[in-house]
Amino acid sequence: MPRSSALPALLAAALAPSSISAFQLTAKGLAGFAEGGGHHDARWGVPRCLWGPESTGRHSKRCQAVYNLALQESGLPAENVSSYGCNVPKVPYTWVEQIQAMDHTKKHTFNFVGGHQWSLDLQDGGLHWPQFDARNWVLDFAKANFSDDDYMKLTDIDAGYTPMAAWDHSSLDSFDSRLAHGTDGKEDEEYEQTFDRSYFEVMAASNFTLCPGGDMPWSMRFYEAIAAGSIPIIAKPMFDLSAPHLWALWDIPYKYYLLDSGDELVYRQDWVDYNYDLFVKYQTFHLGDLAPPDVQQ
């Protein structure tokens, strides 16, 4: 069955703090909450504008930097962007055009490009917070299911790292958004706005992209895979697809695979096309400042 990225009702009820209802985790609810004197929920830190100039800044610097670039390219005044538009992650349409121009011939069934050493280091140090452990499924899945034609690249390895198999292309010279102060003299935001061509090329050449959460229960990789024409796979919504402050992202009914569902992993071009259309509509400003029909602005 198609999986929807809309936050399940039971999960929303479990996560919603007592001082803010599930209804308030919507654009209309957040706007009303702000007008009532509460700019954000004290427990969950849900801001009225997650991204842009009014952002509280307590979230992914990479996502914020990419949003800023998308907003700049759009020419829209930040103060005129809708409540939904300033709460959903945006990607510059010029990036989308570059991704679409890539070779989309599928060479890999599965891929994962991203950091994991940071999580392993924390676990080795005795810190076993469930969210830090949650990315471990990627290595387990790769060891059990990757063939020589599949592709993994860990971007935060240490010197002396030993590749796990032929599919392990990890290297020290990878783009890593966790690097402090950028590289080659670039300032933080300039580095964070780097278009990582090789990253998108791998996803464009892959049927499926493994999309674990990071230090929070979500990852930009989920929708970046969609932009590249790859179908996301997650393990558990609680750890990979449930950050409450990203309500606007979960309101987009993307199709993806849930690893534990028992569904056969089948590449479906109709899913890819459906997801891509939603992505351009709601996660770029290319067609305007749009919101899904059910979202109350």
Protein backbone atom coordinates (compact mmCIF):
# COMPACT_ATOMS: atom_id res chain seq x y z
CA MET A 1 0.00 0.00 0.00
CA PRO A 2 1.25 3.56 -0.64
CA ARG A 3 2.62 5.21 2.46
CA SER A 4 1.68 8.81 3.14
CA SER A 5 4.01 11.28 4.82
CA ALA A 6 1.05 12.88 6.62
CA LEU A 7 1.70 12.56 10.36
CA PRO A 8 -0.51 9.69 11.62
CA ALA A 9 -3.29 10.81 13.94
CA LEU A 10 -2.20 8.56 16.79
CA LEU A 11 1.38 9.79 16.56
CA ALA A 12 0.21 13.40 16.49
CA ALA A 13 -1.89 12.80 19.59
CA ALA A 14 1.02 11.15 21.37
CA LEU A 15 3.43 13.95 20.49
CA ALA A 16 1.17 16.95 20.96
CA PRO A 17 1.92 18.67 24.29
CA SER A 18 -0.95 19.35 26.66
CA SER A 19 -0.77 23.10 26.05
CA ILE A 20 -1.21 22.88 22.28
CA SER A 21 -3.77 20.77 20.45
CA ALA A 22 -3.21 18.72 17.32
CA PHE A 23 -5.24 21.35 15.46
CA GLN A 24 -2.71 23.98 16.46
CA LEU A 25 0.01 22.08 14.61
CA THR A 26 -1.36 23.63 11.41
CA ALA A 27 -0.70 26.93 9.74
CA LYS A 28 -3.97 28.42 10.99
CA GLY A 29 -3.45 27.13 14.51
CA LEU A 30 0.10 28.41 14.69
CA ALA A 31 -0.90 31.81 13.36
CA GLY A 32 -3.67 32.06 15.96
CA PHE A 33 -1.29 30.93 18.67
CA ALA A 34 1.14 33.69 17.71
CA GLU A 35 -1.60 36.32 17.59
CA GLY A 36 -2.65 35.20 21.06
CA GLY A 37 0.76 36.13 22.41
CA GLY A 38 2.53 32.77 22.10
CA HIS A 39 5.17 32.92 19.36
CA HIS A 40 6.01 29.24 19.82
CA ASP A 41 5.17 26.32 22.06
CA ALA A 42 7.51 26.26 25.05
CA ARG A 43 7.87 22.50 25.13
CA TRP A 44 8.30 21.68 21.46
CA GLY A 45 9.58 25.04 20.22
CA VAL A 46 7.13 25.10 17.30
CA PRO A 47 7.69 28.52 15.67
CA ARG A 48 5.21 30.42 13.57
CA CYS A 49 7.89 30.57 10.86
CA LEU A 50 10.37 27.73 10.94
CA TRP A 51 12.41 29.09 8.02
CA GLY A 52 13.34 32.53 6.70
CA PRO A 53 14.09 35.84 8.47
CA GLU A 54 11.53 35.20 11.24
CA SER A 55 13.03 31.81 12.06
CA THR A 56 14.04 31.06 15.65
CA GLY A 57 17.19 29.43 14.27
CA ARG A 58 16.84 26.27 16.35
CA HIS A 59 16.94 23.76 13.55
CA SER A 60 19.01 22.53 10.60
CA LYS A 61 21.46 25.20 9.46
CA ARG A 62 21.76 23.45 6.10
CA CYS A 63 18.00 23.50 5.58
CA GLN A 64 17.82 27.15 6.62
CA ALA A 65 20.62 28.12 4.24
CA VAL A 66 19.01 26.29 1.32
CA TYR A 67 15.63 27.86 2.14
CA ASN A 68 17.24 31.32 2.14
CA LEU A 69 18.67 30.62 -1.32
CA ALA A 70 15.29 29.46 -2.61
CA LEU A 71 13.59 32.56 -1.21
CA GLN A 72 16.25 34.83 -2.70
CA GLU A 73 15.85 33.21 -6.13
CA SER A 74 12.05 33.53 -5.97
CA GLY A 75 12.13 37.29 -5.51
CA LEU A 76 9.30 37.06 -2.99
CA PRO A 77 9.46 39.45 -0.01
CA ALA A 78 9.89 37.32 3.11
CA GLU A 79 7.08 39.18 4.90
CA ASN A 80 4.63 38.16 2.16
CA VAL A 81 5.33 34.43 2.32
CA SER A 82 2.41 32.42 3.67
CA SER A 83 2.45 30.65 7.01
CA TYR A 84 2.71 27.33 5.18
CA GLY A 85 5.43 28.67 2.88
CA CYS A 86 7.66 29.70 5.78
CA ASN A 87 7.20 26.38 7.59
CA VAL A 88 7.87 23.90 4.78
CA PRO A 89 11.50 23.35 3.65
CA LYS A 90 12.15 24.90 0.24
CA VAL A 91 14.75 24.08 -2.41
CA PRO A 92 15.93 26.48 -5.17
CA TYR A 93 14.33 25.60 -8.48
CA THR A 94 17.73 26.10 -10.15
CA TRP A 95 18.84 23.04 -8.16
CA VAL A 96 15.83 21.10 -9.44
CA GLU A 97 16.73 22.02 -13.00
CA GLN A 98 20.29 20.77 -12.48
CA ILE A 99 18.99 17.51 -10.99
CA GLN A 100 16.56 16.99 -13.88
CA ALA A 101 19.40 17.45 -16.38
CA MET A 102 21.36 14.57 -14.80
CA ASP A 103 21.48 11.00 -16.12
CA HIS A 104 18.58 9.18 -14.46
CA THR A 105 19.49 5.74 -15.76
CA LYS A 106 19.14 3.45 -12.75
CA LYS A 107 22.50 1.86 -11.87
CA HIS A 108 21.82 1.14 -8.21
CA THR A 109 18.91 -0.49 -6.45
CA PHE A 110 19.77 1.12 -3.09
CA ASN A 111 21.90 4.02 -1.93
CA PHE A 112 22.79 5.98 1.15
CA VAL A 113 25.08 9.02 1.19
CA GLY A 114 25.44 10.78 4.53
CA GLY A 115 26.99 10.86 7.96
CA HIS A 116 26.82 8.12 10.56
CA GLN A 117 30.17 8.18 12.33
CA TRP A 118 28.94 10.98 14.60
CA SER A 119 26.21 8.64 15.86
CA LEU A 120 28.56 5.70 16.31
CA ASP A 121 30.98 7.91 18.25
CA LEU A 122 28.20 8.94 20.63
CA GLN A 123 27.17 5.33 21.10
CA ASP A 124 30.79 4.27 21.70
CA GLY A 125 30.93 6.97 24.36
CA GLY A 126 27.99 5.36 26.15
CA LEU A 127 25.27 7.72 24.94
CA HIS A 128 22.40 5.55 23.73
CA TRP A 129 19.57 7.99 23.21
CA PRO A 130 17.12 6.19 20.86
CA GLN A 131 17.34 8.90 18.19
CA PHE A 132 21.13 8.54 18.03
CA ASP A 133 20.81 4.76 17.68
CA ALA A 134 18.06 5.03 15.08
CA ARG A 135 20.41 5.38 12.09
CA ASN A 136 22.01 1.98 12.82
CA TRP A 137 19.40 0.26 10.64
CA VAL A 138 21.09 1.68 7.54
CA LEU A 139 24.27 -0.33 8.12
CA ASP A 140 22.31 -3.45 9.01
CA PHE A 141 20.17 -3.10 5.88
CA ALA A 142 23.19 -2.50 3.66
CA LYS A 143 25.07 -5.53 4.96
CA ALA A 144 22.03 -7.73 4.41
CA ASN A 145 20.71 -6.35 1.10
CA PHE A 146 23.27 -4.30 -0.85
CA SER A 147 24.91 -5.86 -3.89
CA ASP A 148 28.18 -4.76 -5.48
CA ASP A 149 26.18 -2.42 -7.73
CA ASP A 150 24.61 -0.54 -4.84
CA TYR A 151 26.14 2.57 -3.30
CA MET A 152 26.94 3.75 0.21
CA LYS A 153 29.12 6.73 1.05
CA LEU A 154 29.62 7.75 4.66
CA THR A 155 30.64 11.40 4.64
CA ASP A 156 32.08 11.75 8.15
CA ILE A 157 34.54 8.85 8.42
CA ASP A 158 37.85 9.06 10.26
CA ALA A 159 41.28 8.58 8.68
CA GLY A 160 42.11 4.89 8.43
CA TYR A 161 38.50 3.83 7.79
CA THR A 162 38.17 0.37 6.21
CA PRO A 163 35.39 -0.05 3.60
CA MET A 164 32.80 -2.67 4.51
CA ALA A 165 32.32 -4.09 0.98
CA ALA A 166 32.48 -3.23 -2.72
CA TRP A 167 29.39 -1.04 -2.31
CA ASP A 168 31.09 1.14 0.33
CA HIS A 169 32.53 4.26 -1.35
CA SER A 170 33.10 6.29 1.83
CA SER A 171 35.80 8.95 1.55
CA LEU A 172 37.38 11.75 3.52
CA ASP A 173 36.77 14.41 0.85
CA SER A 174 32.97 14.27 0.92
CA PHE A 175 30.73 17.30 1.40
CA ASP A 176 29.63 17.28 5.04
CA SER A 177 27.21 19.95 6.22
CA ARG A 178 28.29 19.34 9.82
CA LEU A 179 31.69 20.90 9.17
CA ALA A 180 32.18 24.04 11.26
CA HIS A 181 33.03 27.26 9.41
CA GLY A 182 32.75 25.64 5.98
CA THR A 183 35.80 24.90 3.85
CA ASP A 184 38.22 26.79 1.62
CA GLY A 185 37.56 30.00 3.52
CA LYS A 186 33.82 29.97 2.84
CA GLU A 187 31.49 31.26 5.50
CA ASP A 188 29.02 28.86 7.08
CA GLU A 189 25.95 29.76 5.01
CA GLU A 190 27.87 29.84 1.74
CA TYR A 191 29.19 26.36 2.44
CA GLU A 192 25.76 25.13 3.56
CA GLN A 193 24.33 26.34 0.23
CA THR A 194 26.72 24.11 -1.74
CA PHE A 195 24.98 22.13 -4.46
CA ASP A 196 26.40 18.65 -3.86
CA ARG A 197 26.26 17.32 -7.41
CA SER A 198 27.70 13.87 -6.71
CA TYR A 199 25.13 13.34 -3.92
CA PHE A 200 22.20 14.05 -6.23
CA GLU A 201 23.76 12.05 -9.08
CA VAL A 202 23.87 8.93 -6.89
CA MET A 203 20.20 9.32 -5.92
CA ALA A 204 19.18 10.03 -9.52
CA ALA A 205 20.83 6.72 -10.48
CA SER A 206 19.10 4.77 -7.67
CA ASN A 207 15.70 3.12 -7.43
CA PHE A 208 15.57 3.63 -3.66
CA THR A 209 17.25 5.90 -1.11
CA LEU A 210 17.57 4.95 2.55
CA CYS A 211 16.28 7.93 4.55
CA PRO A 212 16.99 7.58 8.27
CA GLY A 213 16.46 10.44 10.66
CA GLY A 214 19.47 12.27 12.03
CA ASP A 215 19.87 13.82 15.47
CA MET A 216 16.18 14.73 15.04
CA PRO A 217 13.47 12.43 13.63
CA TRP A 218 13.73 13.66 10.04
CA SER A 219 16.24 14.28 7.27
CA MET A 220 16.46 16.54 4.22
CA ARG A 221 17.41 13.37 2.34
CA PHE A 222 13.75 12.29 2.35
CA TYR A 223 12.61 15.03 -0.03
CA GLU A 224 15.99 15.40 -1.80
CA ALA A 225 15.59 11.77 -2.92
CA ILE A 226 12.13 12.66 -4.24
CA ALA A 227 13.60 15.58 -6.18
CA ALA A 228 16.13 13.19 -7.72
CA GLY A 229 13.54 10.61 -8.77
CA SER A 230 14.38 8.01 -6.13
CA ILE A 231 11.81 6.42 -3.80
CA PRO A 232 12.52 6.97 -0.08
CA ILE A 233 12.70 4.08 2.37
CA ILE A 234 12.35 4.69 6.10
CA ALA A 235 12.47 2.23 9.00
CA LYS A 236 10.29 3.76 11.73
CA PRO A 237 8.22 6.96 11.45
CA MET A 238 8.95 7.76 15.11
CA PHE A 239 12.67 8.17 14.39
CA ASP A 240 12.76 8.95 10.67
CA LEU A 241 9.66 11.00 9.80
CA SER A 242 7.95 12.62 12.76
CA ALA A 243 9.52 15.89 13.95
CA PRO A 244 6.39 17.82 15.10
CA HIS A 245 7.74 21.22 14.09
CA LEU A 246 7.88 19.99 10.47
CA TRP A 247 4.10 19.67 10.28
CA ALA A 248 4.12 21.48 6.92
CA LEU A 249 6.37 18.81 5.36
CA TRP A 250 4.23 15.97 6.69
CA ASP A 251 1.15 17.62 5.15
CA ILE A 252 2.50 16.69 1.70
CA PRO A 253 1.15 13.20 0.89
CA TYR A 254 4.37 11.74 -0.53
CA LYS A 255 4.58 8.03 -1.32
CA TYR A 256 7.44 6.02 0.20
CA TYR A 257 8.23 2.60 1.63
CA LEU A 258 8.15 1.69 5.31
CA LEU A 259 10.74 -1.01 5.89
CA ASP A 260 8.82 -2.95 8.52
CA SER A 261 5.54 -2.96 6.56
CA GLY A 262 6.31 -6.18 4.73
CA ASP A 263 5.55 -4.51 1.39
CA GLU A 264 7.70 -5.66 -1.51
CA LEU A 265 10.13 -2.93 -2.57
CA VAL A 266 9.09 -2.24 -6.15
CA TYR A 267 10.32 0.74 -8.15
CA ARG A 268 7.27 2.56 -9.45
CA GLN A 269 7.61 5.34 -11.99
CA ASP A 270 4.08 6.52 -11.21
CA TRP A 271 5.17 7.14 -7.58
CA VAL A 272 8.27 8.97 -8.78
CA ASP A 273 6.25 11.25 -11.08
CA TYR A 274 3.56 11.83 -8.43
CA ASN A 275 6.13 12.71 -5.76
CA TYR A 276 8.08 14.99 -8.09
CA ASP A 277 4.97 16.99 -9.00
CA LEU A 278 4.17 17.48 -5.30
CA PHE A 279 7.75 18.47 -4.59
CA VAL A 280 7.87 21.19 -7.26
CA LYS A 281 4.44 22.46 -6.20
CA TYR A 282 5.06 22.71 -2.46
CA GLN A 283 8.82 22.61 -1.83
CA THR A 284 9.93 25.15 -4.40
CA PHE A 285 8.61 28.61 -5.19
CA HIS A 286 8.62 27.82 -8.95
CA LEU A 287 4.82 27.77 -9.25
CA GLY A 288 4.27 30.33 -6.51
CA ASP A 289 3.71 30.19 -2.76
CA LEU A 290 1.38 27.18 -2.73
CA ALA A 291 -0.01 24.93 0.00
CA PRO A 292 -1.76 21.53 -0.12
CA PRO A 293 -5.58 21.86 -0.42
CA ASP A 294 -6.29 20.64 3.10
CA VAL A 295 -3.92 23.11 4.79
CA GLN A 296 -5.66 26.01 6.52
CA GLN A 297 -3.68 29.19 5.99
